[in-house]
């Protein structure tokens, strides 16, 4: 069912410093910051030959990653994202097997302008999993 690893998302306390670390120290190609008001984050995409790293910083006081950052002041891995061919079929199959889809269970448009769903970390070895329609 799952396909390629689309990205690993890392919440960071300082997006400028994190961007510089990936660009200047690791030599990666990084995007300009992109505000995602619907998701409450600012995102920088780090391009790699086989996947992406998504650097996330809170956008506003009510950002969903602000709580994560409060508990992890240095930042850390927030979620991993896998591609699926059909997000609705994937959702239905997962729910039939007992996996919990977060929110109302309906896909939302993600940072890459594709439908996404998040799966409960307690069902996936303590890892928040995002599914993105390829």
C-alpha atoms as a PDB file:
ATOM      1  CA  UNK A   1       0.000   0.000   0.000  1.00  0.00           C
ATOM      2  CA  UNK A   2       2.622   2.598   0.961  1.00  0.00           C
ATOM      3  CA  UNK A   3       5.008   3.826  -1.660  1.00  0.00           C
ATOM      4  CA  UNK A   4       8.002   6.132  -1.569  1.00  0.00           C
ATOM      5  CA  UNK A   5       9.130   7.962   1.520  1.00  0.00           C
ATOM      6  CA  UNK A   6       7.995  11.472   0.637  1.00  0.00           C
ATOM      7  CA  UNK A   7       9.620  13.367   3.504  1.00  0.00           C
ATOM      8  CA  UNK A   8      10.730  13.459   7.101  1.00  0.00           C
ATOM      9  CA  UNK A   9       9.438  16.484   9.000  1.00  0.00           C
ATOM     10  CA  UNK A  10      11.552  18.111  11.698  1.00  0.00           C
ATOM     11  CA  UNK A  11      10.169  20.801  13.997  1.00  0.00           C
ATOM     12  CA  UNK A  12      12.788  23.474  14.691  1.00  0.00           C
ATOM     13  CA  UNK A  13      12.897  26.362  17.163  1.00  0.00           C
ATOM     14  CA  UNK A  14      14.817  28.632  14.761  1.00  0.00           C
ATOM     15  CA  UNK A  15      14.002  28.189  11.083  1.00  0.00           C
ATOM     16  CA  UNK A  16      16.733  30.562   9.897  1.00  0.00           C
ATOM     17  CA  UNK A  17      19.426  28.670  11.834  1.00  0.00           C
ATOM     18  CA  UNK A  18      18.074  25.274  10.731  1.00  0.00           C
ATOM     19  CA  UNK A  19      18.005  26.386   7.105  1.00  0.00           C
ATOM     20  CA  UNK A  20      21.593  27.613   7.353  1.00  0.00           C
ATOM     21  CA  UNK A  21      22.675  24.317   8.933  1.00  0.00           C
ATOM     22  CA  UNK A  22      21.245  22.274   6.069  1.00  0.00           C
ATOM     23  CA  UNK A  23      22.384  24.707   3.353  1.00  0.00           C
ATOM     24  CA  UNK A  24      25.801  25.833   4.613  1.00  0.00           C
ATOM     25  CA  UNK A  25      26.994  22.906   6.721  1.00  0.00           C
ATOM     26  CA  UNK A  26      25.415  19.961   4.908  1.00  0.00           C
ATOM     27  CA  UNK A  27      25.457  21.536   1.429  1.00  0.00           C
ATOM     28  CA  UNK A  28      21.783  20.849   0.734  1.00  0.00           C
ATOM     29  CA  UNK A  29      19.502  22.781  -1.574  1.00  0.00           C
ATOM     30  CA  UNK A  30      16.814  24.500   0.477  1.00  0.00           C
ATOM     31  CA  UNK A  31      13.709  26.426  -0.480  1.00  0.00           C
ATOM     32  CA  UNK A  32      12.662  29.815   0.703  1.00  0.00           C
ATOM     33  CA  UNK A  33      10.380  29.690   3.759  1.00  0.00           C
ATOM     34  CA  UNK A  34       6.736  29.133   2.868  1.00  0.00           C
ATOM     35  CA  UNK A  35       3.994  30.117   5.302  1.00  0.00           C
ATOM     36  CA  UNK A  36       1.219  27.550   5.525  1.00  0.00           C
ATOM     37  CA  UNK A  37      -1.475  29.417   7.493  1.00  0.00           C
ATOM     38  CA  UNK A  38      -3.980  26.578   7.122  1.00  0.00           C
ATOM     39  CA  UNK A  39      -1.523  24.301   8.934  1.00  0.00           C
ATOM     40  CA  UNK A  40      -0.087  26.864  11.347  1.00  0.00           C
ATOM     41  CA  UNK A  41       3.502  26.338  10.204  1.00  0.00           C
ATOM     42  CA  UNK A  42       6.242  27.894   8.148  1.00  0.00           C
ATOM     43  CA  UNK A  43       8.023  25.290   6.037  1.00  0.00           C
ATOM     44  CA  UNK A  44      11.431  25.068   4.396  1.00  0.00           C
ATOM     45  CA  UNK A  45      11.909  22.146   2.017  1.00  0.00           C
ATOM     46  CA  UNK A  46      15.328  20.511   1.882  1.00  0.00           C
ATOM     47  CA  UNK A  47      15.760  18.691  -1.418  1.00  0.00           C
ATOM     48  CA  UNK A  48      17.624  15.401  -1.435  1.00  0.00           C
ATOM     49  CA  UNK A  49      18.210  13.038  -4.364  1.00  0.00           C
ATOM     50  CA  UNK A  50      15.788  10.440  -3.016  1.00  0.00           C
ATOM     51  CA  UNK A  51      13.391  12.358  -0.738  1.00  0.00           C
ATOM     52  CA  UNK A  52      12.883  15.624   1.154  1.00  0.00           C
ATOM     53  CA  UNK A  53      13.319  16.935   4.657  1.00  0.00           C
ATOM     54  CA  UNK A  54      10.631  19.349   5.767  1.00  0.00           C
ATOM     55  CA  UNK A  55      11.745  21.875   8.380  1.00  0.00           C
ATOM     56  CA  UNK A  56       8.723  23.146  10.326  1.00  0.00           C
ATOM     57  CA  UNK A  57       8.456  26.177  12.576  1.00  0.00           C
ATOM     58  CA  UNK A  58       5.327  27.400  14.356  1.00  0.00           C
ATOM     59  CA  UNK A  59       3.341  30.085  12.564  1.00  0.00           C
ATOM     60  CA  UNK A  60       1.407  31.902  15.265  1.00  0.00           C
ATOM     61  CA  UNK A  61       0.650  31.105  18.872  1.00  0.00           C
ATOM     62  CA  UNK A  62      -1.880  28.381  18.069  1.00  0.00           C
ATOM     63  CA  UNK A  63       0.341  26.350  15.757  1.00  0.00           C
ATOM     64  CA  UNK A  64      -0.101  22.592  16.112  1.00  0.00           C
ATOM     65  CA  UNK A  65       3.679  22.188  16.323  1.00  0.00           C
ATOM     66  CA  UNK A  66       4.002  24.713  19.173  1.00  0.00           C
ATOM     67  CA  UNK A  67       3.043  22.039  21.720  1.00  0.00           C
ATOM     68  CA  UNK A  68       5.636  19.693  20.220  1.00  0.00           C
ATOM     69  CA  UNK A  69       8.266  22.415  20.489  1.00  0.00           C
ATOM     70  CA  UNK A  70       7.246  23.217  24.076  1.00  0.00           C
ATOM     71  CA  UNK A  71       7.982  19.603  24.998  1.00  0.00           C
ATOM     72  CA  UNK A  72      11.088  19.423  22.795  1.00  0.00           C
ATOM     73  CA  UNK A  73      12.701  22.881  22.970  1.00  0.00           C
ATOM     74  CA  UNK A  74      15.589  21.841  20.700  1.00  0.00           C
ATOM     75  CA  UNK A  75      13.174  20.482  18.099  1.00  0.00           C
ATOM     76  CA  UNK A  76      13.100  16.986  16.686  1.00  0.00           C
ATOM     77  CA  UNK A  77      11.497  14.620  14.224  1.00  0.00           C
ATOM     78  CA  UNK A  78       7.779  15.308  14.106  1.00  0.00           C
ATOM     79  CA  UNK A  79       6.490  12.848  11.485  1.00  0.00           C
ATOM     80  CA  UNK A  80       7.327  10.760   8.458  1.00  0.00           C
ATOM     81  CA  UNK A  81       5.325  10.901   5.249  1.00  0.00           C
ATOM     82  CA  UNK A  82       4.684   8.042   2.849  1.00  0.00           C
ATOM     83  CA  UNK A  83       3.100   8.308  -0.569  1.00  0.00           C
ATOM     84  CA  UNK A  84      -0.004   6.314  -1.464  1.00  0.00           C
ATOM     85  CA  UNK A  85      -1.687   5.963  -4.844  1.00  0.00           C
ATOM     86  CA  UNK A  86      -5.220   6.384  -3.518  1.00  0.00           C
ATOM     87  CA  UNK A  87      -5.580   8.145  -0.176  1.00  0.00           C
ATOM     88  CA  UNK A  88      -9.241   7.187   0.305  1.00  0.00           C
ATOM     89  CA  UNK A  89      -8.580   3.505  -0.378  1.00  0.00           C
ATOM     90  CA  UNK A  90      -5.575   3.650   1.984  1.00  0.00           C
ATOM     91  CA  UNK A  91      -7.701   5.292   4.682  1.00  0.00           C
ATOM     92  CA  UNK A  92     -10.456   2.714   4.345  1.00  0.00           C
ATOM     93  CA  UNK A  93      -8.020  -0.189   4.465  1.00  0.00           C
ATOM     94  CA  UNK A  94      -6.241   1.228   7.514  1.00  0.00           C
ATOM     95  CA  UNK A  95      -9.457   1.939   9.390  1.00  0.00           C
ATOM     96  CA  UNK A  96     -10.723  -1.572   8.596  1.00  0.00           C
ATOM     97  CA  UNK A  97      -7.561  -2.944  10.203  1.00  0.00           C
ATOM     98  CA  UNK A  98      -8.118  -0.830  13.336  1.00  0.00           C
ATOM     99  CA  UNK A  99      -5.729   2.059  12.649  1.00  0.00           C
ATOM    100  CA  UNK A 100      -6.888   5.491  13.778  1.00  0.00           C
ATOM    101  CA  UNK A 101      -6.924   8.409  11.359  1.00  0.00           C
ATOM    102  CA  UNK A 102      -6.559  11.752  13.125  1.00  0.00           C
ATOM    103  CA  UNK A 103      -9.083  14.548  12.751  1.00  0.00           C
ATOM    104  CA  UNK A 104     -12.364  13.871  11.006  1.00  0.00           C
ATOM    105  CA  UNK A 105     -10.862  11.182   8.758  1.00  0.00           C
ATOM    106  CA  UNK A 106     -11.200  13.261   5.615  1.00  0.00           C
ATOM    107  CA  UNK A 107      -8.071  14.209   3.645  1.00  0.00           C
ATOM    108  CA  UNK A 108      -6.856  17.801   3.866  1.00  0.00           C
ATOM    109  CA  UNK A 109      -4.653  19.632   1.394  1.00  0.00           C
ATOM    110  CA  UNK A 110      -1.055  19.349   2.576  1.00  0.00           C
ATOM    111  CA  UNK A 111       1.965  21.585   2.167  1.00  0.00           C
ATOM    112  CA  UNK A 112       2.623  20.071  -1.278  1.00  0.00           C
ATOM    113  CA  UNK A 113      -0.945  20.846  -2.432  1.00  0.00           C
ATOM    114  CA  UNK A 114      -1.873  17.160  -2.359  1.00  0.00           C
ATOM    115  CA  UNK A 115      -4.393  15.367  -0.127  1.00  0.00           C
ATOM    116  CA  UNK A 116      -2.949  14.128   3.177  1.00  0.00           C
ATOM    117  CA  UNK A 117      -4.054  12.215   6.273  1.00  0.00           C
ATOM    118  CA  UNK A 118      -2.295  11.677   9.589  1.00  0.00           C
ATOM    119  CA  UNK A 119      -2.320   8.370  11.466  1.00  0.00           C
ATOM    120  CA  UNK A 120      -2.262   8.082  15.249  1.00  0.00           C
ATOM    121  CA  UNK A 121       1.279   7.537  16.566  1.00  0.00           C
ATOM    122  CA  UNK A 122       0.096   4.962  19.104  1.00  0.00           C
ATOM    123  CA  UNK A 123      -0.872   2.719  16.182  1.00  0.00           C
ATOM    124  CA  UNK A 124       2.503   3.104  14.409  1.00  0.00           C
ATOM    125  CA  UNK A 125       5.276   2.411  16.917  1.00  0.00           C
ATOM    126  CA  UNK A 126       5.089   5.866  18.485  1.00  0.00           C
ATOM    127  CA  UNK A 127       5.553   7.643  15.168  1.00  0.00           C
ATOM    128  CA  UNK A 128       3.147  10.176  13.683  1.00  0.00           C
ATOM    129  CA  UNK A 129       2.628   9.016  10.091  1.00  0.00           C
ATOM    130  CA  UNK A 130       1.398  11.216   7.272  1.00  0.00           C
ATOM    131  CA  UNK A 131       0.027   9.717   4.079  1.00  0.00           C
ATOM    132  CA  UNK A 132       0.123  11.844   0.929  1.00  0.00           C
ATOM    133  CA  UNK A 133      -1.582  10.978  -2.312  1.00  0.00           C
ATOM    134  CA  UNK A 134       1.089  10.628  -4.989  1.00  0.00           C
END
